[in-house]
């Protein structure tokens, strides 16, 4: 049972291993040995997920289909003949415990329910011992040296308990999400292990690889294809691969303004910063997933026939005004604000006419309503077209972070630039013009990162 797995993930993986063994060698006695990585409680025993796997899932569910089971708590042998009629599908249900993060309240969720009140970080060796590692290596790529990564950042309420740490290499530490949900961090580690599994075998002698393959180990030495290294593409890739987003989730429309409003709420309330980098692809992807859940909850509560103005139109105006404040001299940004306001007024008019139909039953109001709804659709399309035409997104050619501009305005970093010479060179004068001299000076020498 890996440290990044909860009950559902571990149970699903064990069931798939058993199904594969039964399919490849039917009738052969099956022996299962389970080791547990981490998953300790404050008293030093196993936590609820590990105990449920050992005591209930293995013994109560998989036991009849196995000949022998060995776990850290017991060793048992099936007194009867092992069964071969395994279920086709494992339906994991957990009515007593909620595995999903409370996206409505956005509260901090630590895996350690009673953290140790220590004031300093535990040594690397102590973290490795807790994780069951023979030596300090990255949990994802097995490389060294490693860094101590908080599961829930200290700024969000995370403790210095050894259970709130993971060992990651420098690269994966800087990619890991800074979020208030411990299970989301471990879920990302699980996703990164699959994505970067080929890195585990970098530098290993070919003879060792051949020997491992002869004993049945599955070794992947090639990386999955990544479309781009740009920030927005990395966020999209994680949403698709890790959270299962489909093209419809990325489609613009009435819901997109509300989604962006919830996204900023989640980012402000339940995410943090690390290494002076205010945004990471993994952090933003988690925030978008939480925002999508919050929008769905809001839509379900209010219903499709709510007479109030749509939250998406109000959020569009707020987003447009925020954009205009960042580019005060841009006429294109002001046009975007005006278009968003017209869309909001049209939406309010549609709600007003709908109320007339419901209360007074005015037949002619139906024709008025159709006209207003057409106006709403036209204004909404105009706002979306203006956004597409006026706002450009790209990645800084020096630091790789997100930059944006409206109309003919200068490119600007979407967030504060990290403390590196390269990123400072890719900046602007106080009057907003591009500083070509600094650009040329940066090209003359390599960037130096200051931590």
Protein backbone atom coordinates (compact mmCIF):
# COMPACT_ATOMS: atom_id res chain seq x y z
CA UNK A 1 0.00 0.00 0.00
CA UNK A 2 1.78 3.09 -1.26
CA UNK A 3 1.87 6.27 0.79
CA UNK A 4 -0.02 8.21 -1.87
CA UNK A 5 -2.94 5.74 -1.99
CA UNK A 6 -6.13 5.98 0.04
CA UNK A 7 -8.45 3.03 0.60
CA UNK A 8 -10.25 3.30 -2.74
CA UNK A 9 -7.07 3.49 -4.84
CA UNK A 10 -5.33 0.66 -3.00
CA UNK A 11 -8.39 -1.59 -3.10
CA UNK A 12 -8.81 -0.99 -6.84
CA UNK A 13 -5.16 -1.79 -7.54
CA UNK A 14 -5.17 -4.98 -5.43
CA UNK A 15 -8.34 -6.17 -7.14
CA UNK A 16 -6.84 -5.56 -10.60
CA UNK A 17 -3.70 -7.52 -9.63
CA UNK A 18 -5.85 -10.41 -8.44
CA UNK A 19 -7.96 -10.35 -11.61
CA UNK A 20 -4.84 -10.44 -13.78
CA UNK A 21 -3.36 -13.35 -11.79
CA UNK A 22 -6.61 -15.30 -12.07
CA UNK A 23 -6.79 -14.69 -15.82
CA UNK A 24 -3.18 -15.61 -16.60
CA UNK A 25 -2.90 -18.61 -14.23
CA UNK A 26 -6.38 -19.96 -13.44
CA UNK A 27 -6.47 -22.53 -10.67
CA UNK A 28 -2.94 -21.79 -9.47
CA UNK A 29 -2.71 -21.05 -5.70
CA UNK A 30 -2.50 -17.31 -5.13
CA UNK A 31 -0.45 -15.84 -2.25
CA UNK A 32 -0.75 -12.14 -1.47
CA UNK A 33 1.86 -10.23 0.55
CA UNK A 34 0.96 -6.69 1.57
CA UNK A 35 3.39 -4.10 2.86
CA UNK A 36 2.27 -0.66 4.02
CA UNK A 37 4.22 2.51 3.27
CA UNK A 38 3.52 5.26 5.80
CA UNK A 39 -0.17 5.46 6.74
CA UNK A 40 0.50 5.85 10.48
CA UNK A 41 -1.62 7.58 13.10
CA UNK A 42 -0.55 9.72 16.06
CA UNK A 43 -0.10 6.66 18.28
CA UNK A 44 2.25 4.99 15.81
CA UNK A 45 -0.26 2.41 14.56
CA UNK A 46 -1.83 2.20 11.14
CA UNK A 47 -4.40 4.80 10.11
CA UNK A 48 -8.01 4.12 9.12
CA UNK A 49 -7.28 3.50 5.43
CA UNK A 50 -4.57 0.93 6.13
CA UNK A 51 -6.64 -0.87 8.78
CA UNK A 52 -9.63 -1.04 6.47
CA UNK A 53 -7.51 -2.55 3.70
CA UNK A 54 -5.88 -5.12 6.00
CA UNK A 55 -8.79 -6.16 8.19
CA UNK A 56 -11.85 -5.70 6.02
CA UNK A 57 -10.91 -5.68 2.36
CA UNK A 58 -8.26 -8.43 2.33
CA UNK A 59 -9.73 -10.73 4.94
CA UNK A 60 -13.40 -10.00 4.36
CA UNK A 61 -13.58 -9.58 0.58
CA UNK A 62 -10.47 -10.94 -1.21
CA UNK A 63 -9.79 -13.73 1.30
CA UNK A 64 -12.01 -16.40 -0.36
CA UNK A 65 -10.21 -15.84 -3.70
CA UNK A 66 -6.72 -16.32 -2.21
CA UNK A 67 -4.84 -19.27 -0.76
CA UNK A 68 -2.69 -17.26 1.65
CA UNK A 69 -2.49 -13.68 2.90
CA UNK A 70 0.49 -12.03 4.62
CA UNK A 71 0.21 -8.53 6.10
CA UNK A 72 2.11 -6.58 8.77
CA UNK A 73 -0.67 -7.50 11.25
CA UNK A 74 -1.39 -11.15 10.52
CA UNK A 75 -0.61 -14.17 8.37
CA UNK A 76 -3.57 -16.40 7.49
CA UNK A 77 -4.24 -19.33 5.21
CA UNK A 78 -7.58 -20.01 3.55
CA UNK A 79 -9.05 -23.15 5.21
CA UNK A 80 -11.10 -23.84 2.08
CA UNK A 81 -10.33 -24.16 -1.61
CA UNK A 82 -9.71 -20.74 -3.16
CA UNK A 83 -12.58 -19.58 -5.35
CA UNK A 84 -12.22 -18.64 -9.02
CA UNK A 85 -15.52 -16.78 -9.51
CA UNK A 86 -14.15 -13.27 -9.01
CA UNK A 87 -16.57 -10.37 -9.63
CA UNK A 88 -16.16 -8.63 -12.95
CA UNK A 89 -16.10 -5.15 -11.42
CA UNK A 90 -15.12 -3.81 -8.00
CA UNK A 91 -17.63 -1.26 -6.74
CA UNK A 92 -15.92 0.69 -3.97
CA UNK A 93 -18.37 2.52 -1.72
CA UNK A 94 -17.53 4.29 1.50
CA UNK A 95 -20.71 5.66 3.11
CA UNK A 96 -19.11 6.20 6.52
CA UNK A 97 -16.24 8.41 5.43
CA UNK A 98 -16.02 11.21 2.90
CA UNK A 99 -12.92 11.01 0.73
CA UNK A 100 -13.70 14.12 -1.32
CA UNK A 101 -12.42 17.50 -0.21
CA UNK A 102 -15.06 19.88 1.20
CA UNK A 103 -15.04 22.22 -1.79
CA UNK A 104 -17.91 24.28 -0.37
CA UNK A 105 -16.20 25.23 2.86
CA UNK A 106 -12.61 25.15 1.47
CA UNK A 107 -11.30 24.04 4.84
CA UNK A 108 -7.83 22.64 5.46
CA UNK A 109 -7.74 18.84 5.44
CA UNK A 110 -4.64 17.22 6.86
CA UNK A 111 -4.10 13.48 6.71
CA UNK A 112 -2.71 13.60 10.27
CA UNK A 113 -5.70 14.12 12.54
CA UNK A 114 -3.58 14.80 15.67
CA UNK A 115 -0.29 16.27 14.47
CA UNK A 116 2.76 16.31 16.69
CA UNK A 117 3.32 19.87 18.03
CA UNK A 118 6.96 20.03 16.96
CA UNK A 119 8.34 23.41 15.91
CA UNK A 120 11.12 22.32 13.57
CA UNK A 121 11.07 20.15 10.49
CA UNK A 122 11.96 16.49 10.99
CA UNK A 123 15.27 15.29 9.51
CA UNK A 124 15.31 13.66 6.09
CA UNK A 125 16.24 10.32 7.64
CA UNK A 126 13.14 10.37 9.88
CA UNK A 127 10.89 11.06 6.89
CA UNK A 128 12.52 8.26 4.91
CA UNK A 129 11.98 5.85 7.83
CA UNK A 130 8.31 6.82 8.04
CA UNK A 131 7.89 6.30 4.30
CA UNK A 132 9.63 2.93 4.50
CA UNK A 133 12.50 3.94 2.23
CA UNK A 134 15.90 2.32 2.61
CA UNK A 135 17.53 5.58 1.52
CA UNK A 136 16.25 9.13 0.95
CA UNK A 137 15.05 9.19 -2.67
CA UNK A 138 12.28 10.99 -4.53
CA UNK A 139 8.96 9.19 -4.20
CA UNK A 140 8.21 9.86 -7.87
CA UNK A 141 11.44 9.34 -9.81
CA UNK A 142 13.67 7.57 -7.23
CA UNK A 143 16.41 10.16 -7.80
CA UNK A 144 18.61 11.90 -5.23
CA UNK A 145 19.27 14.37 -3.65
CA UNK A 146 15.87 15.10 -2.16
CA UNK A 147 14.05 17.94 -0.46
CA UNK A 148 11.48 17.91 2.35
CA UNK A 149 8.11 18.82 0.82
CA UNK A 150 5.13 19.77 2.99
CA UNK A 151 1.98 17.85 2.07
CA UNK A 152 -0.18 20.75 3.31
CA UNK A 153 1.93 23.93 3.34
CA UNK A 154 2.64 25.53 6.67
CA UNK A 155 1.01 28.75 5.44
CA UNK A 156 -2.28 26.85 4.97
CA UNK A 157 -2.27 25.15 8.35
CA UNK A 158 0.08 22.25 7.73
CA UNK A 159 2.16 20.97 10.65
CA UNK A 160 5.79 19.86 11.07
CA UNK A 161 4.65 16.34 11.88
CA UNK A 162 6.66 13.73 9.99
CA UNK A 163 3.39 12.51 8.43
CA UNK A 164 2.96 15.88 6.72
CA UNK A 165 6.14 15.52 4.67
CA UNK A 166 7.18 13.80 1.48
CA UNK A 167 10.63 13.37 -0.04
CA UNK A 168 10.80 14.82 -3.54
CA UNK A 169 13.62 15.81 -5.86
CA UNK A 170 14.05 19.49 -6.66
CA UNK A 171 12.12 19.25 -9.93
CA UNK A 172 9.08 17.46 -8.54
CA UNK A 173 9.08 19.59 -5.38
CA UNK A 174 8.67 22.67 -7.56
CA UNK A 175 5.88 21.01 -9.53
CA UNK A 176 3.90 19.67 -6.56
CA UNK A 177 0.65 21.51 -5.68
CA UNK A 178 0.43 23.91 -2.74
CA UNK A 179 -3.14 23.19 -1.63
CA UNK A 180 -5.14 22.79 1.57
CA UNK A 181 -6.10 19.18 0.80
CA UNK A 182 -3.62 16.49 1.85
CA UNK A 183 -5.29 13.81 -0.27
CA UNK A 184 -5.05 16.06 -3.33
CA UNK A 185 -1.28 16.28 -2.81
CA UNK A 186 -0.93 12.49 -2.56
CA UNK A 187 -3.24 12.02 -5.53
CA UNK A 188 -0.94 14.29 -7.55
CA UNK A 189 2.07 12.22 -6.43
CA UNK A 190 0.28 9.11 -7.68
CA UNK A 191 -0.44 10.83 -11.00
CA UNK A 192 3.16 12.05 -11.30
CA UNK A 193 4.45 8.52 -10.59
CA UNK A 194 2.55 7.25 -13.62
CA UNK A 195 3.52 10.23 -15.76
CA UNK A 196 7.23 10.16 -14.90
CA UNK A 197 7.63 6.46 -14.19
CA UNK A 198 10.33 6.19 -16.84
CA UNK A 199 12.61 8.41 -14.74
CA UNK A 200 12.95 5.66 -12.11
CA UNK A 201 15.24 3.76 -14.45
CA UNK A 202 17.53 6.60 -15.49
CA UNK A 203 21.16 5.68 -14.90
CA UNK A 204 20.42 2.02 -14.18
CA UNK A 205 22.80 -0.44 -15.81
CA UNK A 206 21.34 -2.35 -18.79
CA UNK A 207 22.17 -5.65 -17.11
CA UNK A 208 20.04 -4.70 -14.11
CA UNK A 209 17.14 -3.72 -16.39
CA UNK A 210 17.38 -7.00 -18.27
CA UNK A 211 17.45 -8.97 -15.01
CA UNK A 212 14.38 -7.09 -13.73
CA UNK A 213 12.45 -7.76 -16.91
CA UNK A 214 13.33 -11.48 -16.74
CA UNK A 215 11.66 -11.78 -13.32
CA UNK A 216 8.50 -10.11 -14.61
CA UNK A 217 8.93 -6.43 -13.73
CA UNK A 218 7.25 -4.01 -16.14
CA UNK A 219 9.74 -1.28 -16.97
CA UNK A 220 8.87 1.86 -18.92
CA UNK A 221 11.88 3.79 -20.14
CA UNK A 222 10.05 6.30 -22.36
CA UNK A 223 8.09 9.35 -21.31
CA UNK A 224 4.48 10.15 -22.31
CA UNK A 225 4.11 12.77 -24.98
CA UNK A 226 3.69 16.30 -23.63
CA UNK A 227 2.16 18.82 -25.96
CA UNK A 228 3.86 21.95 -24.69
CA UNK A 229 5.92 23.40 -21.87
CA UNK A 230 3.78 26.54 -21.64
CA UNK A 231 2.01 27.17 -18.36
CA UNK A 232 -1.57 27.11 -19.67
CA UNK A 233 -0.94 23.91 -21.61
CA UNK A 234 0.45 22.26 -18.48
CA UNK A 235 -2.68 23.23 -16.55
CA UNK A 236 -4.89 21.85 -19.33
CA UNK A 237 -2.87 18.65 -19.51
CA UNK A 238 -3.26 18.03 -15.78
CA UNK A 239 -6.99 18.73 -15.91
CA UNK A 240 -7.40 16.17 -18.69
CA UNK A 241 -5.05 13.45 -17.45
CA UNK A 242 -5.44 13.82 -13.71
CA UNK A 243 -9.00 15.11 -13.21
CA UNK A 244 -10.65 13.68 -16.33
CA UNK A 245 -11.84 16.93 -17.91
CA UNK A 246 -13.40 16.59 -21.36
CA UNK A 247 -13.62 19.19 -24.19
CA UNK A 248 -17.05 20.32 -22.96
CA UNK A 249 -15.50 21.42 -19.65
CA UNK A 250 -13.18 23.80 -21.50
CA UNK A 251 -15.89 25.24 -23.74
CA UNK A 252 -16.71 28.88 -23.15
CA UNK A 253 -20.23 30.00 -22.41
CA UNK A 254 -22.46 31.42 -19.72
CA UNK A 255 -20.84 29.28 -17.03
CA UNK A 256 -17.27 30.37 -17.72
CA UNK A 257 -17.53 33.69 -15.86
CA UNK A 258 -18.88 31.93 -12.77
CA UNK A 259 -16.15 29.30 -13.08
CA UNK A 260 -13.42 31.95 -13.15
CA UNK A 261 -14.96 33.74 -10.17
CA UNK A 262 -14.96 30.50 -8.16
CA UNK A 263 -11.45 29.73 -9.38
CA UNK A 264 -10.13 32.97 -7.88
CA UNK A 265 -12.04 32.25 -4.66
CA UNK A 266 -10.39 28.84 -4.36
CA UNK A 267 -6.96 30.22 -5.23
CA UNK A 268 -7.25 32.92 -2.55
CA UNK A 269 -8.70 30.70 0.19
CA UNK A 270 -7.17 27.23 -0.22
CA UNK A 271 -3.85 27.48 -2.07
CA UNK A 272 -0.44 28.84 -1.18
CA UNK A 273 2.86 29.87 -2.72
CA UNK A 274 6.22 28.19 -2.64
CA UNK A 275 9.71 29.14 -3.87
CA UNK A 276 8.34 32.65 -4.60
CA UNK A 277 6.22 31.14 -7.39
CA UNK A 278 2.62 32.30 -6.89
CA UNK A 279 1.15 29.87 -9.43
CA UNK A 280 1.92 26.28 -10.35
CA UNK A 281 0.20 24.21 -12.98
CA UNK A 282 -0.68 21.53 -10.42
CA UNK A 283 -2.07 24.12 -7.98
CA UNK A 284 -4.17 25.86 -10.62
CA UNK A 285 -5.47 22.55 -11.97
CA UNK A 286 -6.70 21.58 -8.50
CA UNK A 287 -8.29 25.02 -8.07
CA UNK A 288 -10.11 24.69 -11.40
CA UNK A 289 -11.42 21.26 -10.36
CA UNK A 290 -12.69 22.64 -7.04
CA UNK A 291 -14.22 25.64 -8.86
CA UNK A 292 -16.04 23.31 -11.26
CA UNK A 293 -17.56 21.41 -8.32
CA UNK A 294 -18.62 24.66 -6.63
CA UNK A 295 -20.28 25.94 -9.82
CA UNK A 296 -22.14 22.64 -10.25
CA UNK A 297 -23.39 22.86 -6.66
CA UNK A 298 -24.57 26.44 -7.19
CA UNK A 299 -26.36 25.51 -10.42
CA UNK A 300 -28.06 22.56 -8.76
CA UNK A 301 -29.24 24.71 -5.84
CA UNK A 302 -30.67 27.59 -7.86
CA UNK A 303 -31.95 25.56 -10.82
CA UNK A 304 -32.16 26.54 -14.46
CA UNK A 305 -35.30 28.70 -14.02
CA UNK A 306 -33.91 31.04 -11.38
CA UNK A 307 -35.24 34.57 -11.92
CA UNK A 308 -32.12 36.23 -10.60
CA UNK A 309 -29.42 37.50 -12.97
CA UNK A 310 -26.93 34.79 -13.87
CA UNK A 311 -23.80 34.81 -11.75
CA UNK A 312 -21.74 34.30 -14.89
CA UNK A 313 -22.71 37.72 -16.30
CA UNK A 314 -21.83 39.46 -13.04
CA UNK A 315 -18.52 37.62 -12.91
CA UNK A 316 -17.79 38.61 -16.52
CA UNK A 317 -18.20 42.28 -15.65
CA UNK A 318 -15.96 41.92 -12.62
CA UNK A 319 -13.31 40.13 -14.69
CA UNK A 320 -13.49 42.78 -17.41
CA UNK A 321 -13.16 45.60 -14.88
CA UNK A 322 -10.19 43.88 -13.27
CA UNK A 323 -8.57 43.60 -16.68
CA UNK A 324 -9.22 47.27 -17.44
CA UNK A 325 -7.60 48.34 -14.16
CA UNK A 326 -4.42 46.51 -15.17
CA UNK A 327 -4.33 48.41 -18.48
CA UNK A 328 -5.79 51.84 -17.64
CA UNK A 329 -4.83 53.40 -20.97
CA UNK A 330 -6.27 50.69 -23.18
CA UNK A 331 -9.43 51.59 -25.11
CA UNK A 332 -9.93 47.95 -26.03
CA UNK A 333 -10.15 46.99 -22.36
CA UNK A 334 -12.79 49.65 -21.77
CA UNK A 335 -14.81 48.32 -24.71
CA UNK A 336 -14.69 44.91 -23.10
CA UNK A 337 -16.11 46.32 -19.86
CA UNK A 338 -18.93 48.11 -21.69
CA UNK A 339 -19.85 44.97 -23.63
CA UNK A 340 -19.96 42.95 -20.43
CA UNK A 341 -22.21 45.53 -18.80
CA UNK A 342 -24.60 45.46 -21.76
CA UNK A 343 -24.78 41.66 -21.47
CA UNK A 344 -25.57 42.00 -17.76
CA UNK A 345 -28.37 44.51 -18.42
CA UNK A 346 -29.83 42.23 -21.09
CA UNK A 347 -29.81 39.29 -18.68
CA UNK A 348 -31.61 41.37 -16.04
CA UNK A 349 -34.20 42.42 -18.62
CA UNK A 350 -34.81 38.79 -19.55
CA UNK A 351 -35.43 37.94 -15.90
CA UNK A 352 -37.82 40.90 -15.57
CA UNK A 353 -39.90 39.88 -18.61
CA UNK A 354 -39.98 36.28 -17.38
CA UNK A 355 -41.43 37.59 -14.12
CA UNK A 356 -44.13 39.52 -16.05
CA UNK A 357 -45.19 36.38 -17.87
CA UNK A 358 -45.42 34.43 -14.62
CA UNK A 359 -47.39 37.08 -12.69
CA UNK A 360 -49.57 38.97 -15.20
CA UNK A 361 -49.74 36.44 -18.02
CA UNK A 362 -49.14 39.10 -20.65
CA UNK A 363 -49.18 37.27 -23.98
CA UNK A 364 -47.25 39.95 -25.82
CA UNK A 365 -44.48 39.65 -23.27
CA UNK A 366 -43.51 36.32 -24.82
CA UNK A 367 -42.50 38.07 -28.00
CA UNK A 368 -40.61 40.67 -25.98
CA UNK A 369 -38.90 37.88 -24.08
CA UNK A 370 -37.80 36.17 -27.27
CA UNK A 371 -36.32 39.40 -28.52
CA UNK A 372 -34.53 40.04 -25.23
CA UNK A 373 -33.16 36.48 -25.16
CA UNK A 374 -31.81 36.93 -28.67
CA UNK A 375 -30.21 40.16 -27.49
CA UNK A 376 -28.68 38.30 -24.53
CA UNK A 377 -27.22 35.67 -26.84
CA UNK A 378 -25.90 38.35 -29.18
CA UNK A 379 -24.30 40.36 -26.36
CA UNK A 380 -22.80 37.24 -24.80
CA UNK A 381 -21.30 36.22 -28.13
CA UNK A 382 -19.96 39.75 -28.52
CA UNK A 383 -18.25 39.58 -25.11
CA UNK A 384 -16.69 36.21 -25.91
CA UNK A 385 -15.56 37.44 -29.33
CA UNK A 386 -14.01 40.55 -27.79
CA UNK A 387 -12.21 38.43 -25.21
CA UNK A 388 -10.82 36.19 -27.94
CA UNK A 389 -9.81 39.13 -30.12
CA UNK A 390 -8.48 41.51 -27.48
CA UNK A 391 -6.81 39.28 -24.91
CA UNK A 392 -3.71 37.28 -25.80
CA UNK A 393 -1.97 34.76 -23.57
CA UNK A 394 1.56 33.47 -23.96
CA UNK A 395 4.54 32.34 -21.93
CA UNK A 396 7.51 34.55 -21.08
CA UNK A 397 10.44 33.59 -23.28
CA UNK A 398 12.82 34.10 -20.36
CA UNK A 399 11.15 32.59 -17.29
CA UNK A 400 8.33 30.52 -18.83
CA UNK A 401 5.60 32.10 -16.67
CA UNK A 402 2.27 33.35 -17.95
CA UNK A 403 2.13 36.76 -19.66
CA UNK A 404 -0.94 38.48 -21.13
CA UNK A 405 -1.93 41.62 -22.95
CA UNK A 406 -5.12 43.35 -24.10
CA UNK A 407 -5.26 44.81 -27.56
CA UNK A 408 -2.04 46.64 -28.42
CA UNK A 409 -0.97 47.03 -24.79
CA UNK A 410 2.40 45.75 -23.62
CA UNK A 411 2.86 42.17 -22.55
CA UNK A 412 2.85 41.84 -18.78
CA UNK A 413 3.41 39.02 -16.37
CA UNK A 414 0.13 37.67 -15.02
CA UNK A 415 1.72 37.46 -11.57
CA UNK A 416 4.77 38.84 -9.79
CA UNK A 417 7.95 37.75 -11.51
CA UNK A 418 10.25 35.32 -9.68
CA UNK A 419 13.57 36.63 -8.42
CA UNK A 420 15.74 35.73 -11.40
CA UNK A 421 17.85 37.86 -13.64
CA UNK A 422 16.24 36.47 -16.74
CA UNK A 423 12.74 37.37 -15.62
CA UNK A 424 13.78 40.86 -14.55
CA UNK A 425 15.23 41.38 -18.02
CA UNK A 426 11.94 40.25 -19.56
CA UNK A 427 10.15 43.18 -17.92
CA UNK A 428 9.16 46.71 -18.77
CA UNK A 429 10.15 50.27 -18.03
CA UNK A 430 8.03 52.29 -15.63
CA UNK A 431 6.14 53.80 -18.56
CA UNK A 432 5.14 50.32 -19.76
CA UNK A 433 7.47 50.09 -22.77
CA UNK A 434 9.66 47.08 -23.44
CA UNK A 435 13.26 47.59 -22.30
CA UNK A 436 15.35 46.36 -25.24
CA UNK A 437 18.62 47.21 -23.51
CA UNK A 438 17.84 44.89 -20.64
CA UNK A 439 16.73 42.27 -23.15
CA UNK A 440 20.07 42.48 -24.95
CA UNK A 441 21.96 42.42 -21.65
CA UNK A 442 20.13 39.26 -20.61
CA UNK A 443 21.06 37.52 -23.87
CA UNK A 444 24.71 38.43 -23.29
CA UNK A 445 24.93 36.32 -20.14
CA UNK A 446 23.11 33.32 -18.66
CA UNK A 447 20.35 33.86 -16.08
CA UNK A 448 21.19 33.41 -12.42
CA UNK A 449 18.53 32.26 -9.99
CA UNK A 450 18.60 33.64 -6.46
CA UNK A 451 16.87 31.60 -3.75
